[in-house]
Amino acid sequence: MTDAPPTPRTGPLAGVVVLDVTRVVAGPFCAMMLADLGATVIKVENPNDPDYTRTFPPMIEADDGPTSAYYAQYNRNKQGISLDLRSDEGKALLKRLVRKANILIENFRPGVMDKLGLGYDVLRAENPRLVYTAISGYGRTGPNASRPGYDNSGQAAGGLWSMNGYPDQPPVRVGTIIGDLSASLYAATGTLAALRQAERTGIGQVVDISQQDAVLSLTEHAVIRHTVSGEIAGPLGNDHPFVRPYGQYPCADGYVFFGGYTDKFWAVTCALFGEPDMASDPRIDTMEKRFDAQVDAEIVTPLLHRWFARHTKAELEEMAGDAVPLSAIKTIDEVIADPHIAARGMIVDVPVAGQPVRMLGLPIKLSGDAGQPHGAAPALGEHNERVLQDLLGLEPGAVAALRERGVI
C-alpha cells in the first residue's frame, strides 16, 4: 500500500471531485494537474487490466514488489479505486460516482464509452452539471475520429514531425511525448473553463481534445507561412526561419543558446566580448544585414564561435547575466541541479514505495496558494473502501462482496 494523499484537500480546486478514467499520460497528466491544484481526483482502473504505466521504468524496489516512478509522476495526489466497467455492477457504481462528481476525464477512442453504456448522454442524465472531458488522437468529430492514436500519431498528423530535424535529412520526432503532454494541458484549460460555466449555469458539457489539434497548435508560424506565402515549413535544425543570430553555438564545455539578434542586444554582446566596434561594422551593423544567410555564415557565426570558445557555459551565462539572452544548453542533470529550478519548486519530493523520489513539480504558480505536500500515487484499488463507503455510503460487507465478485 502507498501513502494516502493528504486529506482534506486544499488549494483553489478544493471541493472539486474528478473521476479519472484514463491511462498512460494523455489524461493522467491532466487529472494530476487538477489534483495538484487541490481537486479530489479518483483514479478508476480495471482490476484485471490496470494502467499499464504501472510497469514502466524506472522502478523503485519495495518489500511488496517494484513500483513505477513513471506511473507515480502522473498519478500523484490521487485516490485509486478498481472498477470493472464492463460489468453491470461496475457501470452502476460509476453512475453513482458521477452523481457526486464535477468532472469526468476519459481518453478512450471515441465511441468506447458509448459501447460501455457510459457515454456522455448517459452520464449527463445522472448529473446534468457534469463536465465530460474526452482526450483522443483525432477528436470526437471528423472523418478520422475513430482512428487509434498515440503521441507519435499526433506529432505526425499535426505537422510537427515534418518540421523537426535538419535540412536535407529525414524529419525527427520531438524528443518527448509532446502530443500527450500538450493534449493534457489543453484538456486542463478546457475542463476548468467548462467547470466555470457549469458552476454559473448548472449545465455541463463535453470538452473534446484531439492530440492532432494540440500538436498543430504548436507549429507556430507554419500555417500562416503557407496560407499567406505558399511556403511549406521543413526542418531547420537549430536555425530560426527569420531571425539571426538565434540558435545553438559551441563553447568550451558544450553548447549555449544565443539570441542577441536585435541591434540593442548585438551592441551589448560586442561590448561584452571586448570588440564594441563590431556593432558599427558596416557589414553587420543592422539586424537585416545580420540575417542574410551568407553574412551570418561568413562573419557573424565565426565571430560568435571565436568569442564563445574561450568560455564555459557557466562563464558565458555569468557574463550575459540580465544583459543579453544567452542560456546554457543544459543536460537534464544540470537542470535538476539548477538553483533557479529549485527556487521555482519545479523538482518536488513525492513518496514512491515509502521513499521520496524527486520528480517534476507543477509549472502553474498561484500567489494565493501556499501549496501542499505531494501525496503518493495510489496502489491499484487502494481507496476502494474510502470512496465506496465514504462517498457512496456502501456498507463494509457490500464492498467486500463487490471484491469477491470481481467488480472491484
Protein backbone atom coordinates (compact mmCIF):
# COMPACT_ATOMS: atom_id res chain seq x y z
CA MET A 1 0.00 0.00 0.00
CA THR A 2 1.19 3.53 -0.73
CA ASP A 3 0.81 6.61 1.40
CA ALA A 4 -2.65 8.16 1.05
CA PRO A 5 -2.86 11.65 -0.42
CA PRO A 6 -3.34 14.43 2.10
CA THR A 7 -6.94 14.94 3.20
CA PRO A 8 -8.84 17.13 3.33
CA ARG A 9 -7.62 18.62 0.07
CA THR A 10 -6.60 22.26 -0.01
CA GLY A 11 -5.92 24.69 -2.82
CA PRO A 12 -8.02 26.57 -5.37
CA LEU A 13 -9.81 23.41 -6.57
CA ALA A 14 -10.59 22.04 -3.10
CA GLY A 15 -14.08 20.56 -3.13
CA VAL A 16 -13.99 19.69 -6.85
CA VAL A 17 -14.38 15.94 -7.43
CA VAL A 18 -12.80 14.44 -10.56
CA LEU A 19 -13.25 10.92 -11.89
CA ASP A 20 -10.10 9.98 -13.80
CA VAL A 21 -10.94 7.16 -16.20
CA THR A 22 -7.69 7.47 -18.14
CA ARG A 23 -4.38 5.70 -18.58
CA VAL A 24 -0.80 6.30 -19.75
CA VAL A 25 -0.11 10.11 -19.93
CA ALA A 26 -2.70 11.90 -22.11
CA GLY A 27 -5.33 12.10 -19.41
CA PRO A 28 -3.50 11.13 -16.21
CA PHE A 29 -1.32 14.25 -16.56
CA CYS A 30 -4.43 16.44 -16.95
CA ALA A 31 -6.03 14.90 -13.86
CA MET A 32 -2.75 15.16 -11.92
CA MET A 33 -2.59 18.90 -12.53
CA LEU A 34 -6.11 19.25 -11.16
CA ALA A 35 -5.09 17.13 -8.16
CA ASP A 36 -2.01 19.28 -7.56
CA LEU A 37 -4.34 22.31 -7.54
CA GLY A 38 -6.45 20.74 -4.80
CA ALA A 39 -9.15 18.71 -6.56
CA THR A 40 -10.14 15.32 -5.15
CA VAL A 41 -9.19 13.06 -8.05
CA ILE A 42 -10.38 9.46 -8.02
CA LYS A 43 -8.48 7.30 -10.49
CA VAL A 44 -10.65 4.48 -11.83
CA GLU A 45 -8.82 1.38 -13.11
CA ASN A 46 -9.95 -2.01 -14.30
CA PRO A 47 -9.00 -4.52 -11.57
CA ASN A 48 -7.82 -7.00 -14.23
CA ASP A 49 -6.31 -4.51 -16.68
CA PRO A 50 -4.91 -1.51 -14.77
CA ASP A 51 -2.99 1.42 -16.21
CA TYR A 52 -0.02 -0.28 -17.86
CA THR A 53 2.35 2.56 -16.98
CA ARG A 54 2.48 0.78 -13.61
CA THR A 55 5.08 -1.40 -15.36
CA PHE A 56 7.08 1.46 -16.93
CA PRO A 57 10.64 2.14 -15.69
CA PRO A 58 12.27 3.45 -13.63
CA MET A 59 11.10 1.15 -10.86
CA ILE A 60 11.51 1.58 -7.10
CA GLU A 61 12.05 -1.69 -5.26
CA ALA A 62 9.97 -2.32 -2.13
CA ASP A 63 9.07 -5.26 0.10
CA ASP A 64 5.83 -5.86 -1.79
CA GLY A 65 7.48 -5.63 -5.23
CA PRO A 66 8.61 -2.92 -7.66
CA THR A 67 6.67 0.33 -8.03
CA SER A 68 6.87 2.55 -11.12
CA ALA A 69 8.14 6.07 -10.54
CA TYR A 70 6.90 6.87 -14.06
CA TYR A 71 3.36 5.97 -13.02
CA ALA A 72 3.77 7.94 -9.80
CA GLN A 73 4.83 11.09 -11.64
CA TYR A 74 1.48 11.32 -13.46
CA ASN A 75 -0.81 9.94 -10.75
CA ARG A 76 0.34 11.54 -7.51
CA ASN A 77 -2.17 13.10 -5.15
CA LYS A 78 -4.97 10.83 -6.43
CA GLN A 79 -7.18 8.30 -4.73
CA GLY A 80 -7.47 4.98 -6.54
CA ILE A 81 -10.34 2.60 -7.00
CA SER A 82 -10.60 -0.55 -9.11
CA LEU A 83 -13.84 -0.94 -11.06
CA ASP A 84 -14.77 -3.28 -13.90
CA LEU A 85 -16.79 -1.02 -16.19
CA ARG A 86 -17.76 -3.97 -18.38
CA SER A 87 -19.90 -5.42 -15.57
CA ASP A 88 -23.40 -4.17 -14.83
CA GLU A 89 -22.47 -3.53 -11.20
CA GLY A 90 -19.37 -1.61 -12.25
CA LYS A 91 -21.40 0.60 -14.59
CA ALA A 92 -23.95 1.22 -11.85
CA LEU A 93 -21.22 2.22 -9.39
CA LEU A 94 -19.63 4.63 -11.88
CA LYS A 95 -23.02 6.26 -12.44
CA ARG A 96 -23.39 6.71 -8.70
CA LEU A 97 -19.93 8.26 -8.54
CA VAL A 98 -20.83 10.58 -11.42
CA ARG A 99 -23.70 11.95 -9.32
CA LYS A 100 -21.09 13.06 -6.76
CA ALA A 101 -18.54 14.35 -9.27
CA ASN A 102 -17.94 17.64 -11.04
CA ILE A 103 -15.68 16.28 -13.78
CA LEU A 104 -15.01 13.00 -15.59
CA ILE A 105 -11.93 12.62 -17.76
CA GLU A 106 -11.52 9.73 -20.21
CA ASN A 107 -9.07 9.02 -23.01
CA PHE A 108 -10.60 6.06 -24.81
CA ARG A 109 -11.06 6.05 -28.55
CA PRO A 110 -14.32 7.87 -29.37
CA GLY A 111 -17.26 5.51 -29.04
CA VAL A 112 -15.76 3.19 -26.42
CA MET A 113 -17.58 4.80 -23.51
CA ASP A 114 -20.82 4.71 -25.52
CA LYS A 115 -20.35 0.98 -26.15
CA LEU A 116 -19.90 0.50 -22.41
CA GLY A 117 -23.18 2.31 -21.85
CA LEU A 118 -21.31 5.14 -20.13
CA GLY A 119 -21.18 7.84 -22.80
CA TYR A 120 -21.84 11.49 -22.15
CA ASP A 121 -25.57 11.33 -22.89
CA VAL A 122 -25.99 8.57 -20.32
CA LEU A 123 -23.84 10.24 -17.67
CA ARG A 124 -25.36 13.70 -18.02
CA ALA A 125 -28.73 12.11 -17.24
CA GLU A 126 -27.16 11.18 -13.90
CA ASN A 127 -25.59 14.61 -13.41
CA PRO A 128 -26.53 17.50 -15.75
CA ARG A 129 -23.69 19.60 -14.32
CA LEU A 130 -21.02 17.06 -15.27
CA VAL A 131 -18.02 18.30 -17.26
CA TYR A 132 -17.07 15.37 -19.50
CA THR A 133 -13.52 15.72 -20.84
CA ALA A 134 -12.56 13.37 -23.66
CA ILE A 135 -8.97 13.19 -24.96
CA SER A 136 -8.27 11.18 -28.11
CA GLY A 137 -5.93 11.02 -31.08
CA TYR A 138 -8.18 12.86 -33.54
CA GLY A 139 -11.11 14.19 -31.51
CA ARG A 140 -14.76 13.18 -31.39
CA THR A 141 -15.76 14.62 -34.78
CA GLY A 142 -14.37 14.49 -38.32
CA PRO A 143 -13.59 11.65 -40.73
CA ASN A 144 -10.64 10.34 -38.70
CA ALA A 145 -12.33 10.37 -35.30
CA SER A 146 -12.38 6.58 -34.92
CA ARG A 147 -8.71 6.06 -35.74
CA PRO A 148 -6.40 4.85 -32.98
CA GLY A 149 -3.77 7.38 -31.99
CA TYR A 150 -0.62 7.68 -29.93
CA ASP A 151 1.69 10.58 -29.21
CA ASN A 152 3.63 9.86 -32.39
CA SER A 153 0.36 9.88 -34.33
CA GLY A 154 -0.27 13.43 -33.12
CA GLN A 155 3.26 14.54 -33.97
CA ALA A 156 2.95 13.04 -37.45
CA ALA A 157 -0.60 14.13 -38.27
CA GLY A 158 -0.22 17.56 -36.65
CA GLY A 159 2.75 18.57 -38.82
CA LEU A 160 5.33 18.96 -36.08
CA TRP A 161 7.32 15.87 -37.03
CA SER A 162 7.82 17.17 -40.59
CA MET A 163 9.31 20.40 -39.24
CA ASN A 164 11.79 18.89 -36.79
CA GLY A 165 15.35 17.82 -37.60
CA TYR A 166 17.91 19.16 -40.07
CA PRO A 167 17.55 20.33 -43.67
CA ASP A 168 18.10 17.66 -46.33
CA GLN A 169 17.68 14.88 -43.74
CA PRO A 170 14.63 12.85 -42.73
CA PRO A 171 12.37 14.54 -40.16
CA VAL A 172 12.92 13.74 -36.49
CA ARG A 173 10.17 13.37 -33.87
CA VAL A 174 10.30 15.82 -30.99
CA GLY A 175 12.26 14.12 -28.23
CA THR A 176 9.39 13.92 -25.75
CA ILE A 177 5.70 12.94 -25.83
CA ILE A 178 4.63 16.44 -26.81
CA GLY A 179 1.31 15.19 -28.24
CA ASP A 180 0.27 13.58 -24.95
CA LEU A 181 1.53 16.44 -22.83
CA SER A 182 0.06 19.28 -24.90
CA ALA A 183 -3.30 17.49 -25.15
CA SER A 184 -3.32 17.18 -21.36
CA LEU A 185 -2.54 20.88 -20.94
CA TYR A 186 -5.34 21.94 -23.28
CA ALA A 187 -7.66 19.46 -21.59
CA ALA A 188 -6.97 21.03 -18.20
CA THR A 189 -7.66 24.51 -19.58
CA GLY A 190 -10.87 23.43 -21.32
CA THR A 191 -12.04 21.48 -18.29
CA LEU A 192 -11.67 24.45 -15.97
CA ALA A 193 -13.46 26.73 -18.46
CA ALA A 194 -16.35 24.25 -18.72
CA LEU A 195 -16.42 23.87 -14.93
CA ARG A 196 -16.71 27.64 -14.55
CA GLN A 197 -19.67 27.66 -16.92
CA ALA A 198 -21.29 24.69 -15.18
CA GLU A 199 -20.99 26.49 -11.86
CA ARG A 200 -22.63 29.55 -13.36
CA THR A 201 -25.40 27.84 -15.38
CA GLY A 202 -25.85 24.41 -13.81
CA ILE A 203 -25.21 22.77 -17.19
CA GLY A 204 -22.14 20.70 -18.04
CA GLN A 205 -20.72 19.87 -21.46
CA VAL A 206 -18.18 17.82 -23.38
CA VAL A 207 -14.60 19.08 -23.60
CA ASP A 208 -13.28 17.48 -26.81
CA ILE A 209 -9.47 17.39 -27.07
CA SER A 210 -7.54 15.98 -30.04
CA GLN A 211 -3.82 15.22 -29.94
CA GLN A 212 -3.58 16.20 -33.60
CA ASP A 213 -5.22 19.56 -32.86
CA ALA A 214 -2.94 20.12 -29.88
CA VAL A 215 0.21 19.41 -31.89
CA LEU A 216 -0.92 21.56 -34.83
CA SER A 217 -1.34 24.49 -32.46
CA LEU A 218 2.36 24.19 -31.54
CA THR A 219 3.64 24.66 -35.10
CA GLU A 220 3.92 28.44 -34.59
CA HIS A 221 4.43 30.15 -37.97
CA ALA A 222 3.96 27.13 -40.24
CA VAL A 223 0.26 27.62 -41.07
CA ILE A 224 0.40 31.33 -41.87
CA ARG A 225 3.65 30.94 -43.83
CA HIS A 226 1.82 28.51 -46.08
CA THR A 227 -1.56 30.25 -46.30
CA VAL A 228 0.00 33.67 -46.89
CA SER A 229 3.19 32.87 -48.81
CA GLY A 230 2.77 29.29 -50.03
CA GLU A 231 5.83 28.11 -48.10
CA ILE A 232 5.94 24.63 -46.61
CA ALA A 233 7.82 24.61 -43.31
CA GLY A 234 10.53 21.98 -43.12
CA PRO A 235 13.32 21.01 -40.74
CA LEU A 236 15.59 23.90 -39.80
CA GLY A 237 17.86 22.23 -37.29
CA ASN A 238 18.83 24.88 -34.75
CA ASP A 239 18.12 27.81 -37.07
CA HIS A 240 15.19 30.19 -36.98
CA PRO A 241 13.31 30.95 -40.21
CA PHE A 242 13.61 34.72 -40.00
CA VAL A 243 15.94 35.69 -37.12
CA ARG A 244 19.76 35.51 -36.88
CA PRO A 245 21.87 35.09 -34.80
CA TYR A 246 19.45 32.93 -32.87
CA GLY A 247 20.42 29.36 -32.14
CA GLN A 248 22.95 26.89 -30.81
CA TYR A 249 26.62 27.79 -30.55
CA PRO A 250 29.57 25.76 -29.21
CA CYS A 251 31.64 26.87 -26.25
CA ALA A 252 34.49 25.44 -24.17
CA ASP A 253 32.46 22.70 -22.49
CA GLY A 254 29.30 22.27 -24.54
CA TYR A 255 26.72 24.48 -26.21
CA VAL A 256 24.70 27.59 -25.48
CA PHE A 257 21.65 29.23 -26.95
CA PHE A 258 22.33 32.81 -28.00
CA GLY A 259 19.54 35.08 -29.21
CA GLY A 260 21.11 38.52 -29.44
CA TYR A 261 19.70 39.37 -32.87
CA THR A 262 18.35 42.88 -32.21
CA ASP A 263 20.60 45.88 -32.71
CA LYS A 264 20.49 46.60 -28.97
CA PHE A 265 21.46 43.09 -27.91
CA TRP A 266 24.09 42.85 -30.64
CA ALA A 267 25.80 46.05 -29.47
CA VAL A 268 25.79 44.84 -25.84
CA THR A 269 27.27 41.49 -26.94
CA CYS A 270 30.07 43.09 -28.91
CA ALA A 271 30.98 45.21 -25.88
CA LEU A 272 30.81 42.20 -23.52
CA PHE A 273 33.40 40.36 -25.59
CA GLY A 274 35.73 43.33 -25.91
CA GLU A 275 35.03 44.29 -29.53
CA PRO A 276 32.48 47.12 -29.34
CA ASP A 277 33.46 48.39 -32.79
CA MET A 278 31.91 45.28 -34.38
CA ALA A 279 28.48 46.74 -33.58
CA SER A 280 29.14 49.52 -36.08
CA ASP A 281 30.92 47.39 -38.70
CA PRO A 282 29.04 48.35 -41.91
CA ARG A 283 28.80 44.69 -42.96
CA ILE A 284 26.79 43.68 -39.87
CA ASP A 285 25.55 46.89 -38.26
CA THR A 286 21.84 46.21 -38.75
CA MET A 287 19.55 43.34 -37.91
CA GLU A 288 18.60 42.99 -41.57
CA LYS A 289 22.25 42.60 -42.64
CA ARG A 290 22.98 40.05 -39.93
CA PHE A 291 20.02 37.96 -41.04
CA ASP A 292 21.47 37.44 -44.50
CA ALA A 293 22.49 33.75 -44.63
CA GLN A 294 25.84 34.39 -46.30
CA VAL A 295 26.74 37.26 -43.98
CA ASP A 296 25.78 35.15 -41.00
CA ALA A 297 27.85 32.19 -42.17
CA GLU A 298 30.93 34.23 -43.15
CA ILE A 299 31.05 36.91 -40.45
CA VAL A 300 28.58 36.62 -37.56
CA THR A 301 28.79 32.91 -36.74
CA PRO A 302 32.64 32.75 -36.90
CA LEU A 303 32.74 35.78 -34.62
CA LEU A 304 30.44 34.13 -32.08
CA HIS A 305 32.39 30.88 -32.29
CA ARG A 306 35.61 32.75 -31.53
CA TRP A 307 34.08 34.62 -28.60
CA PHE A 308 32.30 31.65 -27.05
CA ALA A 309 35.16 29.15 -27.48
CA ARG A 310 37.10 30.92 -24.75
CA HIS A 311 34.48 30.32 -22.08
CA THR A 312 32.46 27.58 -20.42
CA LYS A 313 28.67 27.50 -20.34
CA ALA A 314 28.64 28.77 -16.78
CA GLU A 315 31.06 31.60 -17.58
CA LEU A 316 29.01 32.70 -20.56
CA GLU A 317 25.79 32.71 -18.54
CA GLU A 318 27.51 34.75 -15.85
CA MET A 319 28.81 37.23 -18.43
CA ALA A 320 25.47 37.59 -20.15
CA GLY A 321 23.54 37.94 -16.89
CA ASP A 322 20.47 40.12 -17.40
CA ALA A 323 22.02 41.93 -20.37
CA VAL A 324 21.57 39.55 -23.33
CA PRO A 325 19.58 36.36 -23.96
CA LEU A 326 22.13 33.58 -23.54
CA SER A 327 21.41 30.25 -21.85
CA ALA A 328 23.48 27.14 -21.36
CA ILE A 329 22.02 24.15 -23.19
CA LYS A 330 21.75 22.05 -20.08
CA THR A 331 21.65 18.30 -19.72
CA ILE A 332 18.80 17.08 -17.53
CA ASP A 333 21.10 16.55 -14.52
CA GLU A 334 22.20 20.17 -14.82
CA VAL A 335 18.57 21.31 -14.99
CA ILE A 336 17.65 19.32 -11.87
CA ALA A 337 20.60 20.91 -10.03
CA ASP A 338 19.77 24.44 -11.26
CA PRO A 339 19.20 26.74 -8.24
CA HIS A 340 16.56 28.65 -10.20
CA ILE A 341 14.60 25.45 -10.85
CA ALA A 342 14.80 24.74 -7.11
CA ALA A 343 13.59 28.24 -6.29
CA ARG A 344 10.62 27.70 -8.62
CA GLY A 345 9.68 24.44 -6.92
CA MET A 346 9.93 22.51 -10.18
CA ILE A 347 11.53 19.43 -8.63
CA VAL A 348 9.50 18.01 -5.75
CA ASP A 349 9.72 15.01 -3.44
CA VAL A 350 6.90 12.51 -3.88
CA PRO A 351 6.72 9.26 -1.88
CA VAL A 352 7.07 6.15 -4.03
CA ALA A 353 7.15 2.77 -2.28
CA GLY A 354 7.77 4.55 1.00
CA GLN A 355 10.74 6.62 -0.11
CA PRO A 356 10.96 10.16 -1.50
CA VAL A 357 11.56 10.40 -5.24
CA ARG A 358 12.40 13.69 -6.92
CA MET A 359 10.12 14.38 -9.86
CA LEU A 360 8.53 17.20 -11.86
CA GLY A 361 6.64 19.85 -9.94
CA LEU A 362 3.65 21.84 -11.20
CA PRO A 363 4.58 24.73 -13.52
CA ILE A 364 1.45 26.69 -12.51
CA LYS A 365 2.30 29.08 -9.68
CA LEU A 366 -0.53 30.88 -7.87
CA SER A 367 0.26 33.67 -5.41
CA GLY A 368 -2.75 32.81 -3.29
CA ASP A 369 -1.92 29.11 -2.97
CA ALA A 370 0.69 28.15 -0.40
CA GLY A 371 0.96 24.68 -1.88
CA GLN A 372 0.55 21.37 -0.13
CA PRO A 373 2.53 18.17 0.45
CA HIS A 374 2.67 15.86 -2.53
CA GLY A 375 0.85 12.61 -1.87
CA ALA A 376 1.78 9.34 -3.49
CA ALA A 377 0.12 7.73 -6.47
CA PRO A 378 -2.41 5.12 -5.35
CA ALA A 379 -1.90 1.38 -5.42
CA LEU A 380 -4.46 -0.45 -7.55
CA GLY A 381 -7.78 -0.18 -5.72
CA GLU A 382 -6.12 1.32 -2.65
CA HIS A 383 -9.04 3.58 -1.79
CA ASN A 384 -11.93 1.29 -2.68
CA GLU A 385 -13.24 1.32 0.88
CA ARG A 386 -12.74 5.05 1.38
CA VAL A 387 -14.50 6.03 -1.84
CA LEU A 388 -17.30 3.46 -1.86
CA GLN A 389 -18.08 3.74 1.84
CA ASP A 390 -17.49 7.44 2.49
CA LEU A 391 -18.62 8.86 -0.86
CA LEU A 392 -21.35 6.40 -1.81
CA GLY A 393 -22.34 5.15 1.63
CA LEU A 394 -21.85 1.44 0.94
CA GLU A 395 -21.60 -0.86 3.93
CA PRO A 396 -18.28 -2.70 4.50
CA GLY A 397 -19.95 -6.01 3.73
CA ALA A 398 -21.23 -4.71 0.41
CA VAL A 399 -17.72 -3.58 -0.57
CA ALA A 400 -16.32 -6.99 0.37
CA ALA A 401 -19.00 -8.67 -1.75
CA LEU A 402 -18.10 -6.48 -4.75
CA ARG A 403 -14.48 -7.58 -4.38
CA GLU A 404 -15.45 -11.24 -4.21
CA ARG A 405 -17.46 -10.90 -7.42
CA GLY A 406 -14.53 -9.23 -9.21
CA VAL A 407 -16.37 -5.92 -9.70
CA ILE A 408 -13.63 -4.02 -7.84
